[in-house]
Amino acid sequence: MENETLWLLKGGPDAKGWNALQADSMSKKVFVLSFDRHAWALVKSVERPDGYEGLAPGVPTDGLYLDPDGRPIYISDGREVHSAKAVVAGLGEDAVELLIKIGDADFVLERLGRAF
């Protein structure tokens, strides 16, 4: 859906909301892009995904998120993008200059504290 935004849900590993989120994902009530029960989940939704006990929804910080299998997910301006370079470009001139110096966009994101 065009108006979908990514939301970052954070909570402790024992939060009751993880079970409800997993059930809603399996029944396709919500689209979970990535799920790491120990820390966070990325959820695509038009509306803020409230109602998961112990999970606080918010807008994800631009950067690189690694899912539990080590797959990179790049987020820029509340949307998934397909490369680290796209994230760096959205971070402004200083980040782009650092990319020119270093040459590795993933390393730039890590160095800027944008790897989660």
C-alpha atoms as a PDB file:
ATOM      1  CA  MET A   1       0.000   0.000   0.000  1.00  0.00           C
ATOM      2  CA  GLU A   2       1.344   3.434  -0.947  1.00  0.00           C
ATOM      3  CA  ASN A   3       0.804   5.132   2.441  1.00  0.00           C
ATOM      4  CA  GLU A   4       2.468   2.434   4.506  1.00  0.00           C
ATOM      5  CA  THR A   5       5.237   3.495   6.835  1.00  0.00           C
ATOM      6  CA  LEU A   6       7.758   1.459   8.740  1.00  0.00           C
ATOM      7  CA  TRP A   7       7.362   1.407  12.482  1.00  0.00           C
ATOM      8  CA  LEU A   8       9.919   0.188  14.984  1.00  0.00           C
ATOM      9  CA  LEU A   9       8.477  -1.682  17.956  1.00  0.00           C
ATOM     10  CA  LYS A  10      10.838  -2.043  20.898  1.00  0.00           C
ATOM     11  CA  GLY A  11      10.404  -4.056  24.045  1.00  0.00           C
ATOM     12  CA  GLY A  12      11.996  -6.462  26.437  1.00  0.00           C
ATOM     13  CA  PRO A  13      12.274 -10.136  25.500  1.00  0.00           C
ATOM     14  CA  ASP A  14       9.496 -11.042  27.957  1.00  0.00           C
ATOM     15  CA  ALA A  15       6.995  -8.410  26.763  1.00  0.00           C
ATOM     16  CA  LYS A  16       3.539  -9.937  26.295  1.00  0.00           C
ATOM     17  CA  GLY A  17       3.091  -8.054  23.028  1.00  0.00           C
ATOM     18  CA  TRP A  18       5.591 -10.237  21.157  1.00  0.00           C
ATOM     19  CA  ASN A  19       3.184 -13.193  21.148  1.00  0.00           C
ATOM     20  CA  ALA A  20       0.303 -11.031  19.918  1.00  0.00           C
ATOM     21  CA  LEU A  21       2.505  -9.452  17.235  1.00  0.00           C
ATOM     22  CA  GLN A  22       3.680 -12.862  16.056  1.00  0.00           C
ATOM     23  CA  ALA A  23       0.097 -14.148  15.932  1.00  0.00           C
ATOM     24  CA  ASP A  24      -1.071 -11.059  14.006  1.00  0.00           C
ATOM     25  CA  SER A  25       1.801 -11.506  11.572  1.00  0.00           C
ATOM     26  CA  MET A  26       0.989 -15.160  10.963  1.00  0.00           C
ATOM     27  CA  SER A  27      -2.678 -14.329  10.376  1.00  0.00           C
ATOM     28  CA  LYS A  28      -1.609 -11.470   8.058  1.00  0.00           C
ATOM     29  CA  LYS A  29      -3.251  -8.763  10.179  1.00  0.00           C
ATOM     30  CA  VAL A  30       0.075  -6.890  10.147  1.00  0.00           C
ATOM     31  CA  PHE A  31       3.121  -7.075   7.880  1.00  0.00           C
ATOM     32  CA  VAL A  32       6.255  -7.680   9.930  1.00  0.00           C
ATOM     33  CA  LEU A  33       9.342  -6.953   7.864  1.00  0.00           C
ATOM     34  CA  SER A  34      11.726  -8.206  10.542  1.00  0.00           C
ATOM     35  CA  PHE A  35      11.236  -9.659  13.996  1.00  0.00           C
ATOM     36  CA  ASP A  36      13.872  -9.964  16.713  1.00  0.00           C
ATOM     37  CA  ARG A  37      12.023 -10.883  19.870  1.00  0.00           C
ATOM     38  CA  HIS A  38      15.008  -9.919  22.004  1.00  0.00           C
ATOM     39  CA  ALA A  39      14.911  -6.280  20.973  1.00  0.00           C
ATOM     40  CA  TRP A  40      12.737  -4.988  18.138  1.00  0.00           C
ATOM     41  CA  ALA A  41      10.466  -5.552  15.163  1.00  0.00           C
ATOM     42  CA  LEU A  42       9.993  -3.570  11.968  1.00  0.00           C
ATOM     43  CA  VAL A  43       6.335  -3.414  10.958  1.00  0.00           C
ATOM     44  CA  LYS A  44       4.818  -1.910   7.782  1.00  0.00           C
ATOM     45  CA  SER A  45       1.533  -0.214   8.523  1.00  0.00           C
ATOM     46  CA  VAL A  46      -0.568   2.772   7.533  1.00  0.00           C
ATOM     47  CA  GLU A  47      -1.450   3.394  11.189  1.00  0.00           C
ATOM     48  CA  ARG A  48       0.740   3.335  14.270  1.00  0.00           C
ATOM     49  CA  PRO A  49       0.781  -0.268  15.570  1.00  0.00           C
ATOM     50  CA  ASP A  50      -0.422   0.333  19.127  1.00  0.00           C
ATOM     51  CA  GLY A  51      -1.927  -2.309  21.363  1.00  0.00           C
ATOM     52  CA  TYR A  52       0.997  -4.704  21.760  1.00  0.00           C
ATOM     53  CA  GLU A  53       1.554  -4.843  25.507  1.00  0.00           C
ATOM     54  CA  GLY A  54       5.094  -3.901  26.476  1.00  0.00           C
ATOM     55  CA  LEU A  55       6.073  -2.832  22.950  1.00  0.00           C
ATOM     56  CA  ALA A  56       6.581   0.847  22.229  1.00  0.00           C
ATOM     57  CA  PRO A  57       6.075   1.847  18.571  1.00  0.00           C
ATOM     58  CA  GLY A  58       8.051   4.650  17.014  1.00  0.00           C
ATOM     59  CA  VAL A  59       9.555   5.780  13.738  1.00  0.00           C
ATOM     60  CA  PRO A  60      12.821   3.942  13.068  1.00  0.00           C
ATOM     61  CA  THR A  61      16.024   5.935  12.909  1.00  0.00           C
ATOM     62  CA  ASP A  62      17.543   6.032   9.428  1.00  0.00           C
ATOM     63  CA  GLY A  63      20.224   3.398   9.122  1.00  0.00           C
ATOM     64  CA  LEU A  64      21.087  -0.264   8.786  1.00  0.00           C
ATOM     65  CA  TYR A  65      19.096  -2.854  10.731  1.00  0.00           C
ATOM     66  CA  LEU A  66      20.349  -6.425  10.825  1.00  0.00           C
ATOM     67  CA  ASP A  67      17.684  -9.061  11.253  1.00  0.00           C
ATOM     68  CA  PRO A  68      18.380 -12.142  13.410  1.00  0.00           C
ATOM     69  CA  ASP A  69      19.736 -13.962  10.332  1.00  0.00           C
ATOM     70  CA  GLY A  70      22.170 -11.137   9.521  1.00  0.00           C
ATOM     71  CA  ARG A  71      20.152  -9.852   6.556  1.00  0.00           C
ATOM     72  CA  PRO A  72      20.558  -6.076   6.142  1.00  0.00           C
ATOM     73  CA  ILE A  73      17.499  -3.847   6.068  1.00  0.00           C
ATOM     74  CA  TYR A  74      18.158  -0.261   5.030  1.00  0.00           C
ATOM     75  CA  ILE A  75      15.789   2.433   6.304  1.00  0.00           C
ATOM     76  CA  SER A  76      15.632   6.025   5.112  1.00  0.00           C
ATOM     77  CA  ASP A  77      12.862   8.495   5.879  1.00  0.00           C
ATOM     78  CA  GLY A  78      10.532   5.832   7.298  1.00  0.00           C
ATOM     79  CA  ARG A  79      10.804   3.565   4.261  1.00  0.00           C
ATOM     80  CA  GLU A  80      12.874   0.567   3.255  1.00  0.00           C
ATOM     81  CA  VAL A  81      15.504   1.418   0.633  1.00  0.00           C
ATOM     82  CA  HIS A  82      17.678  -1.026  -1.264  1.00  0.00           C
ATOM     83  CA  SER A  83      21.202   0.080  -0.406  1.00  0.00           C
ATOM     84  CA  ALA A  84      23.432   1.601   2.220  1.00  0.00           C
ATOM     85  CA  LYS A  85      24.317   4.328  -0.287  1.00  0.00           C
ATOM     86  CA  ALA A  86      20.662   5.399  -0.396  1.00  0.00           C
ATOM     87  CA  VAL A  87      20.628   5.761   3.382  1.00  0.00           C
ATOM     88  CA  VAL A  88      23.913   7.711   3.361  1.00  0.00           C
ATOM     89  CA  ALA A  89      22.564  10.042   0.664  1.00  0.00           C
ATOM     90  CA  GLY A  90      19.573  10.819   2.874  1.00  0.00           C
ATOM     91  CA  LEU A  91      21.790  11.672   5.835  1.00  0.00           C
ATOM     92  CA  GLY A  92      23.227  14.771   4.180  1.00  0.00           C
ATOM     93  CA  GLU A  93      26.475  16.222   2.907  1.00  0.00           C
ATOM     94  CA  ASP A  94      28.686  15.220   5.840  1.00  0.00           C
ATOM     95  CA  ALA A  95      27.702  11.575   5.463  1.00  0.00           C
ATOM     96  CA  VAL A  96      28.231  11.688   1.687  1.00  0.00           C
ATOM     97  CA  GLU A  97      31.688  13.246   2.182  1.00  0.00           C
ATOM     98  CA  LEU A  98      32.552  10.473   4.634  1.00  0.00           C
ATOM     99  CA  LEU A  99      31.419   7.909   2.056  1.00  0.00           C
ATOM    100  CA  ILE A 100      33.719   9.489  -0.532  1.00  0.00           C
ATOM    101  CA  LYS A 101      36.650   9.234   1.906  1.00  0.00           C
ATOM    102  CA  ILE A 102      35.912   5.709   3.155  1.00  0.00           C
ATOM    103  CA  GLY A 103      34.269   4.147   0.106  1.00  0.00           C
ATOM    104  CA  ASP A 104      32.102   1.615   1.982  1.00  0.00           C
ATOM    105  CA  ALA A 105      28.560   2.781   2.719  1.00  0.00           C
ATOM    106  CA  ASP A 106      27.861   0.040   5.292  1.00  0.00           C
ATOM    107  CA  PHE A 107      30.997   1.039   7.212  1.00  0.00           C
ATOM    108  CA  VAL A 108      29.933   4.697   7.067  1.00  0.00           C
ATOM    109  CA  LEU A 109      26.585   3.796   8.653  1.00  0.00           C
ATOM    110  CA  GLU A 110      28.370   1.846  11.375  1.00  0.00           C
ATOM    111  CA  ARG A 111      30.818   4.652  12.000  1.00  0.00           C
ATOM    112  CA  LEU A 112      27.959   7.156  12.265  1.00  0.00           C
ATOM    113  CA  GLY A 113      26.198   4.981  14.828  1.00  0.00           C
ATOM    114  CA  ARG A 114      23.471   4.094  12.337  1.00  0.00           C
ATOM    115  CA  ALA A 115      23.824   0.277  12.491  1.00  0.00           C
ATOM    116  CA  PHE A 116      21.309  -1.480  14.730  1.00  0.00           C
END
